[in-house]
Amino acid sequence: MTCRLDLFIGHPLTGDLVMSFPFESGLITFVACMRNAGFDLPAATRSGDEYRFDLGGTNIDTSTEAWNRAIFLTCSPPFSD
């Protein structure tokens, strides 16, 4: 089996970005980091520990290297405490 990241990275997201944070401080840190990286996320709606960002009405281009760097490296929340 071969994993081809090029099939997934570099294509714009459509719809919502859904993230999970066990504490609201994680959300605040993530949103601030994304803003510092140049991505002003819209207000999130909350359901349990999931936060949903509707990217449909924004001009955020999720197909750029800058987006991938911010979302997956720079601002990615830790997997555990």
C-alpha atoms as a PDB file:
ATOM      1  CA  MET A   1       0.000   0.000   0.000  1.00  0.00           C
ATOM      2  CA  THR A   2       1.299   3.441  -0.902  1.00  0.00           C
ATOM      3  CA  CYS A   3       0.271   6.635   0.817  1.00  0.00           C
ATOM      4  CA  ARG A   4       0.114   9.543  -1.601  1.00  0.00           C
ATOM      5  CA  LEU A   5      -0.154  12.773   0.353  1.00  0.00           C
ATOM      6  CA  ASP A   6      -0.316  14.705  -2.901  1.00  0.00           C
ATOM      7  CA  LEU A   7      -3.848  13.356  -3.296  1.00  0.00           C
ATOM      8  CA  PHE A   8      -4.888  15.172  -0.118  1.00  0.00           C
ATOM      9  CA  ILE A   9      -2.567  18.134   0.401  1.00  0.00           C
ATOM     10  CA  GLY A  10      -2.828  21.032  -1.987  1.00  0.00           C
ATOM     11  CA  HIS A  11      -6.553  20.810  -2.525  1.00  0.00           C
ATOM     12  CA  PRO A  12      -8.887  23.377  -0.971  1.00  0.00           C
ATOM     13  CA  LEU A  13     -11.143  22.259   1.852  1.00  0.00           C
ATOM     14  CA  THR A  14     -14.830  22.661   1.302  1.00  0.00           C
ATOM     15  CA  GLY A  15     -17.192  23.210   4.182  1.00  0.00           C
ATOM     16  CA  ASP A  16     -16.169  23.080   7.800  1.00  0.00           C
ATOM     17  CA  LEU A  17     -12.936  22.622   9.701  1.00  0.00           C
ATOM     18  CA  VAL A  18     -13.672  20.502  12.784  1.00  0.00           C
ATOM     19  CA  MET A  19     -11.187  20.394  15.634  1.00  0.00           C
ATOM     20  CA  SER A  20     -11.367  18.821  19.069  1.00  0.00           C
ATOM     21  CA  PHE A  21      -9.966  20.483  22.180  1.00  0.00           C
ATOM     22  CA  PRO A  22     -10.402  19.061  25.676  1.00  0.00           C
ATOM     23  CA  PHE A  23     -10.095  22.550  27.192  1.00  0.00           C
ATOM     24  CA  GLU A  24     -11.217  25.947  25.896  1.00  0.00           C
ATOM     25  CA  SER A  25      -7.688  27.275  26.422  1.00  0.00           C
ATOM     26  CA  GLY A  26      -6.557  24.948  23.618  1.00  0.00           C
ATOM     27  CA  LEU A  27      -9.086  26.536  21.280  1.00  0.00           C
ATOM     28  CA  ILE A  28      -7.956  30.045  22.241  1.00  0.00           C
ATOM     29  CA  THR A  29      -4.301  29.142  21.674  1.00  0.00           C
ATOM     30  CA  PHE A  30      -5.078  27.488  18.316  1.00  0.00           C
ATOM     31  CA  VAL A  31      -7.141  30.416  16.999  1.00  0.00           C
ATOM     32  CA  ALA A  32      -4.464  32.924  18.086  1.00  0.00           C
ATOM     33  CA  CYS A  33      -1.730  30.862  16.428  1.00  0.00           C
ATOM     34  CA  MET A  34      -3.704  30.589  13.178  1.00  0.00           C
ATOM     35  CA  ARG A  35      -4.336  34.349  13.239  1.00  0.00           C
ATOM     36  CA  ASN A  36      -0.600  34.977  13.741  1.00  0.00           C
ATOM     37  CA  ALA A  37       0.039  32.722  10.737  1.00  0.00           C
ATOM     38  CA  GLY A  38      -2.285  34.901   8.630  1.00  0.00           C
ATOM     39  CA  PHE A  39      -5.519  32.919   8.882  1.00  0.00           C
ATOM     40  CA  ASP A  40      -8.362  34.733  10.635  1.00  0.00           C
ATOM     41  CA  LEU A  41     -10.714  31.866  11.439  1.00  0.00           C
ATOM     42  CA  PRO A  42     -14.413  32.599  11.877  1.00  0.00           C
ATOM     43  CA  ALA A  43     -16.057  32.067  15.260  1.00  0.00           C
ATOM     44  CA  ALA A  44     -16.450  28.389  16.036  1.00  0.00           C
ATOM     45  CA  THR A  45     -19.612  26.608  17.086  1.00  0.00           C
ATOM     46  CA  ARG A  46     -19.189  24.077  19.882  1.00  0.00           C
ATOM     47  CA  SER A  47     -20.590  20.595  20.359  1.00  0.00           C
ATOM     48  CA  GLY A  48     -19.004  18.800  23.316  1.00  0.00           C
ATOM     49  CA  ASP A  49     -15.257  19.086  22.859  1.00  0.00           C
ATOM     50  CA  GLU A  50     -15.595  19.624  19.083  1.00  0.00           C
ATOM     51  CA  TYR A  51     -15.357  23.057  17.538  1.00  0.00           C
ATOM     52  CA  ARG A  52     -16.617  23.667  14.002  1.00  0.00           C
ATOM     53  CA  PHE A  53     -15.258  26.533  11.893  1.00  0.00           C
ATOM     54  CA  ASP A  54     -17.347  27.317   8.793  1.00  0.00           C
ATOM     55  CA  LEU A  55     -14.720  28.201   6.187  1.00  0.00           C
ATOM     56  CA  GLY A  56     -17.281  28.507   3.392  1.00  0.00           C
ATOM     57  CA  GLY A  57     -17.793  32.245   3.822  1.00  0.00           C
ATOM     58  CA  THR A  58     -14.113  33.121   4.172  1.00  0.00           C
ATOM     59  CA  ASN A  59     -11.345  33.885   1.711  1.00  0.00           C
ATOM     60  CA  ILE A  60      -9.020  31.379   3.399  1.00  0.00           C
ATOM     61  CA  ASP A  61      -7.160  29.332   0.789  1.00  0.00           C
ATOM     62  CA  THR A  62      -6.612  25.921   2.351  1.00  0.00           C
ATOM     63  CA  SER A  63      -4.606  24.672  -0.616  1.00  0.00           C
ATOM     64  CA  THR A  64      -1.507  26.732   0.165  1.00  0.00           C
ATOM     65  CA  GLU A  65       1.744  25.636   1.739  1.00  0.00           C
ATOM     66  CA  ALA A  66       1.283  28.357   4.372  1.00  0.00           C
ATOM     67  CA  TRP A  67      -2.076  26.837   5.434  1.00  0.00           C
ATOM     68  CA  ASN A  68      -0.628  23.318   5.606  1.00  0.00           C
ATOM     69  CA  ARG A  69       2.348  24.537   7.643  1.00  0.00           C
ATOM     70  CA  ALA A  70       0.084  26.403  10.076  1.00  0.00           C
ATOM     71  CA  ILE A  71      -2.624  23.753  10.506  1.00  0.00           C
ATOM     72  CA  PHE A  72      -0.390  20.666  10.627  1.00  0.00           C
ATOM     73  CA  LEU A  73       2.865  21.963  12.152  1.00  0.00           C
ATOM     74  CA  THR A  74       2.919  25.401  13.722  1.00  0.00           C
ATOM     75  CA  CYS A  75      -0.543  25.505  15.301  1.00  0.00           C
ATOM     76  CA  SER A  76      -1.418  21.823  15.567  1.00  0.00           C
ATOM     77  CA  PRO A  77      -2.643  21.056  19.060  1.00  0.00           C
ATOM     78  CA  PRO A  78      -0.715  18.401  20.997  1.00  0.00           C
ATOM     79  CA  PHE A  79      -2.079  14.874  20.772  1.00  0.00           C
ATOM     80  CA  SER A  80      -1.822  14.433  24.545  1.00  0.00           C
ATOM     81  CA  ASP A  81      -0.995  16.457  27.642  1.00  0.00           C
END
